[in-house]
C-alpha atoms as a PDB file:
ATOM      1  CA  UNK A   1     145.198  97.037 115.762  1.00  0.00           C
ATOM      2  CA  UNK A   2     141.744  98.233 114.754  1.00  0.00           C
ATOM      3  CA  UNK A   3     138.990  95.750 114.050  1.00  0.00           C
ATOM      4  CA  UNK A   4     137.767  95.792 110.469  1.00  0.00           C
ATOM      5  CA  UNK A   5     134.116  95.209 109.792  1.00  0.00           C
ATOM      6  CA  UNK A   6     131.777  95.317 106.867  1.00  0.00           C
ATOM      7  CA  UNK A   7     128.925  97.753 106.463  1.00  0.00           C
ATOM      8  CA  UNK A   8     126.055  97.383 108.876  1.00  0.00           C
ATOM      9  CA  UNK A   9     122.670  96.236 107.674  1.00  0.00           C
ATOM     10  CA  UNK A  10     121.124  99.635 108.386  1.00  0.00           C
ATOM     11  CA  UNK A  11     123.857 101.428 106.418  1.00  0.00           C
ATOM     12  CA  UNK A  12     123.438  99.037 103.501  1.00  0.00           C
ATOM     13  CA  UNK A  13     119.651  99.398 103.464  1.00  0.00           C
ATOM     14  CA  UNK A  14     119.819 103.186 103.841  1.00  0.00           C
ATOM     15  CA  UNK A  15     122.140 103.345 100.851  1.00  0.00           C
ATOM     16  CA  UNK A  16     119.840 101.076  98.858  1.00  0.00           C
ATOM     17  CA  UNK A  17     116.880 103.300  99.762  1.00  0.00           C
ATOM     18  CA  UNK A  18     118.793 106.362  98.594  1.00  0.00           C
ATOM     19  CA  UNK A  19     119.609 104.654  95.293  1.00  0.00           C
ATOM     20  CA  UNK A  20     115.960 103.623  94.810  1.00  0.00           C
ATOM     21  CA  UNK A  21     114.846 107.194  95.573  1.00  0.00           C
ATOM     22  CA  UNK A  22     117.242 108.619  92.987  1.00  0.00           C
ATOM     23  CA  UNK A  23     116.119 105.970  90.500  1.00  0.00           C
ATOM     24  CA  UNK A  24     112.468 106.862  91.111  1.00  0.00           C
ATOM     25  CA  UNK A  25     113.119 110.587  90.750  1.00  0.00           C
ATOM     26  CA  UNK A  26     115.073 110.055  87.541  1.00  0.00           C
ATOM     27  CA  UNK A  27     112.307 107.809  86.209  1.00  0.00           C
ATOM     28  CA  UNK A  28     109.665 110.426  86.995  1.00  0.00           C
ATOM     29  CA  UNK A  29     111.674 113.151  85.263  1.00  0.00           C
ATOM     30  CA  UNK A  30     112.313 110.955  82.208  1.00  0.00           C
ATOM     31  CA  UNK A  31     108.642 110.000  81.890  1.00  0.00           C
ATOM     32  CA  UNK A  32     107.513 113.607  82.320  1.00  0.00           C
ATOM     33  CA  UNK A  33     110.041 114.875  79.788  1.00  0.00           C
ATOM     34  CA  UNK A  34     109.112 112.251  77.211  1.00  0.00           C
ATOM     35  CA  UNK A  35     105.487 113.325  77.062  1.00  0.00           C
ATOM     36  CA  UNK A  36     104.157 109.789  77.521  1.00  0.00           C
ATOM     37  CA  UNK A  37     102.561 109.408  74.073  1.00  0.00           C
ATOM     38  CA  UNK A  38     105.021 106.987  72.501  1.00  0.00           C
ATOM     39  CA  UNK A  39     104.857 103.426  73.858  1.00  0.00           C
ATOM     40  CA  UNK A  40     108.285 102.560  72.450  1.00  0.00           C
ATOM     41  CA  UNK A  41     109.826 105.559  74.201  1.00  0.00           C
ATOM     42  CA  UNK A  42     108.246 104.447  77.488  1.00  0.00           C
ATOM     43  CA  UNK A  43     109.688 100.964  76.941  1.00  0.00           C
ATOM     44  CA  UNK A  44     113.117 102.516  76.360  1.00  0.00           C
ATOM     45  CA  UNK A  45     112.805 104.467  79.615  1.00  0.00           C
ATOM     46  CA  UNK A  46     111.710 101.416  81.596  1.00  0.00           C
ATOM     47  CA  UNK A  47     114.484  99.290  80.081  1.00  0.00           C
ATOM     48  CA  UNK A  48     117.111 101.888  80.989  1.00  0.00           C
ATOM     49  CA  UNK A  49     115.714 102.225  84.520  1.00  0.00           C
ATOM     50  CA  UNK A  50     115.718  98.454  85.055  1.00  0.00           C
ATOM     51  CA  UNK A  51     119.247  97.942  83.736  1.00  0.00           C
ATOM     52  CA  UNK A  52     120.786 100.939  85.528  1.00  0.00           C
ATOM     53  CA  UNK A  53     118.849 100.375  88.751  1.00  0.00           C
ATOM     54  CA  UNK A  54     119.634  96.665  88.904  1.00  0.00           C
ATOM     55  CA  UNK A  55     123.307  97.314  88.288  1.00  0.00           C
ATOM     56  CA  UNK A  56     123.496 100.115  90.842  1.00  0.00           C
ATOM     57  CA  UNK A  57     121.762  98.119  93.578  1.00  0.00           C
ATOM     58  CA  UNK A  58     123.724  94.921  93.005  1.00  0.00           C
ATOM     59  CA  UNK A  59     126.972  96.893  92.915  1.00  0.00           C
ATOM     60  CA  UNK A  60     126.043  98.671  96.150  1.00  0.00           C
ATOM     61  CA  UNK A  61     125.233  95.421  97.961  1.00  0.00           C
ATOM     62  CA  UNK A  62     128.483  93.773  96.859  1.00  0.00           C
ATOM     63  CA  UNK A  63     130.583  96.794  97.801  1.00  0.00           C
ATOM     64  CA  UNK A  64     128.921  96.991 101.233  1.00  0.00           C
ATOM     65  CA  UNK A  65     129.394  93.290 101.842  1.00  0.00           C
ATOM     66  CA  UNK A  66     133.124  93.419 101.063  1.00  0.00           C
ATOM     67  CA  UNK A  67     133.963  96.845 102.544  1.00  0.00           C
ATOM     68  CA  UNK A  68     136.220  96.727 105.574  1.00  0.00           C
ATOM     69  CA  UNK A  69     137.301  93.119 105.110  1.00  0.00           C
ATOM     70  CA  UNK A  70     140.787  91.875 104.270  1.00  0.00           C
ATOM     71  CA  UNK A  71     142.541  93.872 101.558  1.00  0.00           C
ATOM     72  CA  UNK A  72     142.181  91.185  98.897  1.00  0.00           C
ATOM     73  CA  UNK A  73     138.479  90.685  99.566  1.00  0.00           C
ATOM     74  CA  UNK A  74     137.821  94.431  99.596  1.00  0.00           C
ATOM     75  CA  UNK A  75     139.680  94.892  96.308  1.00  0.00           C
ATOM     76  CA  UNK A  76     137.874  91.981  94.676  1.00  0.00           C
ATOM     77  CA  UNK A  77     134.585  93.358  95.976  1.00  0.00           C
ATOM     78  CA  UNK A  78     135.263  96.800  94.566  1.00  0.00           C
ATOM     79  CA  UNK A  79     136.134  95.356  91.160  1.00  0.00           C
ATOM     80  CA  UNK A  80     133.095  93.059  91.263  1.00  0.00           C
ATOM     81  CA  UNK A  81     130.831  95.965  92.152  1.00  0.00           C
ATOM     82  CA  UNK A  82     132.213  97.959  89.231  1.00  0.00           C
ATOM     83  CA  UNK A  83     131.626  95.014  86.912  1.00  0.00           C
ATOM     84  CA  UNK A  84     128.057  94.644  88.179  1.00  0.00           C
ATOM     85  CA  UNK A  85     127.413  98.338  87.532  1.00  0.00           C
ATOM     86  CA  UNK A  86     129.034  98.507  84.104  1.00  0.00           C
ATOM     87  CA  UNK A  87     128.499  95.025  82.650  1.00  0.00           C
ATOM     88  CA  UNK A  88     124.713  95.146  82.208  1.00  0.00           C
ATOM     89  CA  UNK A  89     124.918  98.729  80.947  1.00  0.00           C
ATOM     90  CA  UNK A  90     127.468  97.848  78.266  1.00  0.00           C
ATOM     91  CA  UNK A  91     125.584  94.688  77.277  1.00  0.00           C
ATOM     92  CA  UNK A  92     122.330  96.639  76.966  1.00  0.00           C
ATOM     93  CA  UNK A  93     124.084  99.354  74.981  1.00  0.00           C
ATOM     94  CA  UNK A  94     125.543  96.775  72.591  1.00  0.00           C
ATOM     95  CA  UNK A  95     122.134  95.154  72.171  1.00  0.00           C
ATOM     96  CA  UNK A  96     120.403  98.498  71.595  1.00  0.00           C
ATOM     97  CA  UNK A  97     123.070  99.546  69.107  1.00  0.00           C
ATOM     98  CA  UNK A  98     122.438  96.402  67.069  1.00  0.00           C
ATOM     99  CA  UNK A  99     118.754  97.326  66.628  1.00  0.00           C
ATOM    100  CA  UNK A 100     117.648  99.139  63.489  1.00  0.00           C
ATOM    101  CA  UNK A 101     114.618 100.958  64.853  1.00  0.00           C
ATOM    102  CA  UNK A 102     112.448 100.504  67.900  1.00  0.00           C
ATOM    103  CA  UNK A 103     114.312 101.115  71.133  1.00  0.00           C
ATOM    104  CA  UNK A 104     117.344 102.544  69.358  1.00  0.00           C
ATOM    105  CA  UNK A 105     115.317 105.217  67.604  1.00  0.00           C
ATOM    106  CA  UNK A 106     113.369 105.841  70.821  1.00  0.00           C
ATOM    107  CA  UNK A 107     116.581 106.963  72.527  1.00  0.00           C
ATOM    108  CA  UNK A 108     117.227 103.988  74.816  1.00  0.00           C
ATOM    109  CA  UNK A 109     121.004 104.524  74.715  1.00  0.00           C
ATOM    110  CA  UNK A 110     120.594 108.110  75.869  1.00  0.00           C
ATOM    111  CA  UNK A 111     118.273 107.015  78.650  1.00  0.00           C
ATOM    112  CA  UNK A 112     120.850 104.458  79.808  1.00  0.00           C
ATOM    113  CA  UNK A 113     123.330 107.294  80.299  1.00  0.00           C
ATOM    114  CA  UNK A 114     120.665 109.516  81.875  1.00  0.00           C
ATOM    115  CA  UNK A 115     119.931 106.857  84.500  1.00  0.00           C
ATOM    116  CA  UNK A 116     123.516 105.688  85.014  1.00  0.00           C
ATOM    117  CA  UNK A 117     125.065 109.070  85.847  1.00  0.00           C
ATOM    118  CA  UNK A 118     122.794 110.107  88.766  1.00  0.00           C
ATOM    119  CA  UNK A 119     122.995 106.603  90.238  1.00  0.00           C
ATOM    120  CA  UNK A 120     126.783 106.610  89.941  1.00  0.00           C
ATOM    121  CA  UNK A 121     126.997 110.026  91.605  1.00  0.00           C
ATOM    122  CA  UNK A 122     124.749 108.811  94.430  1.00  0.00           C
ATOM    123  CA  UNK A 123     126.858 105.693  94.873  1.00  0.00           C
ATOM    124  CA  UNK A 124     130.044 107.773  95.073  1.00  0.00           C
ATOM    125  CA  UNK A 125     128.534 110.102  97.682  1.00  0.00           C
ATOM    126  CA  UNK A 126     127.269 107.145  99.724  1.00  0.00           C
ATOM    127  CA  UNK A 127     130.665 105.482  99.568  1.00  0.00           C
ATOM    128  CA  UNK A 128     132.344 108.650 100.807  1.00  0.00           C
ATOM    129  CA  UNK A 129     129.810 109.025 103.624  1.00  0.00           C
ATOM    130  CA  UNK A 130     130.109 105.424 104.772  1.00  0.00           C
ATOM    131  CA  UNK A 131     133.900 105.359 104.758  1.00  0.00           C
ATOM    132  CA  UNK A 132     136.350 102.536 104.221  1.00  0.00           C
ATOM    133  CA  UNK A 133     135.331 100.414 107.199  1.00  0.00           C
ATOM    134  CA  UNK A 134     131.634 100.189 106.439  1.00  0.00           C
ATOM    135  CA  UNK A 135     130.286 102.486 109.087  1.00  0.00           C
ATOM    136  CA  UNK A 136     129.395 106.153 108.982  1.00  0.00           C
ATOM    137  CA  UNK A 137     132.506 108.269 108.494  1.00  0.00           C
ATOM    138  CA  UNK A 138     132.299 110.320 111.672  1.00  0.00           C
ATOM    139  CA  UNK A 139     135.500 112.326 111.732  1.00  0.00           C
ATOM    140  CA  UNK A 140     139.055 111.797 112.848  1.00  0.00           C
ATOM    141  CA  UNK A 141     140.559 108.392 112.465  1.00  0.00           C
ATOM    142  CA  UNK A 142     143.653 107.502 114.433  1.00  0.00           C
ATOM    143  CA  UNK A 143     144.622 104.649 112.095  1.00  0.00           C
ATOM    144  CA  UNK A 144     146.498 105.386 108.888  1.00  0.00           C
END
């Protein structure tokens, strides 16, 4: 029987650094594309970055903590990580949609999607690289 273990601290922190780097790059692109004149548009960008970044990082930490543990814990961790990624996004989207002007007219909903998608793609790639047992996926595995 193979020992199951959760992700190592270095793997978890490397993944978090990759997510922060993608968040920073997406933030820089969004700020550059917006022109920077409109304060409300900048607020919409910062709100979207905070909500998407917080959800992505908390989801990553939970999924790393539960990866490679007993099947029930790993499943609960995966569902919890998904909830942590999606819950704040959907709550922010509902709140933005209820606004008449301000952040809604500044495009905050679009920025939420623009930040969520690259962070989700990064999380998927990191999950595939790390593998199911929480350590770098280095090739052949003799256990099915």
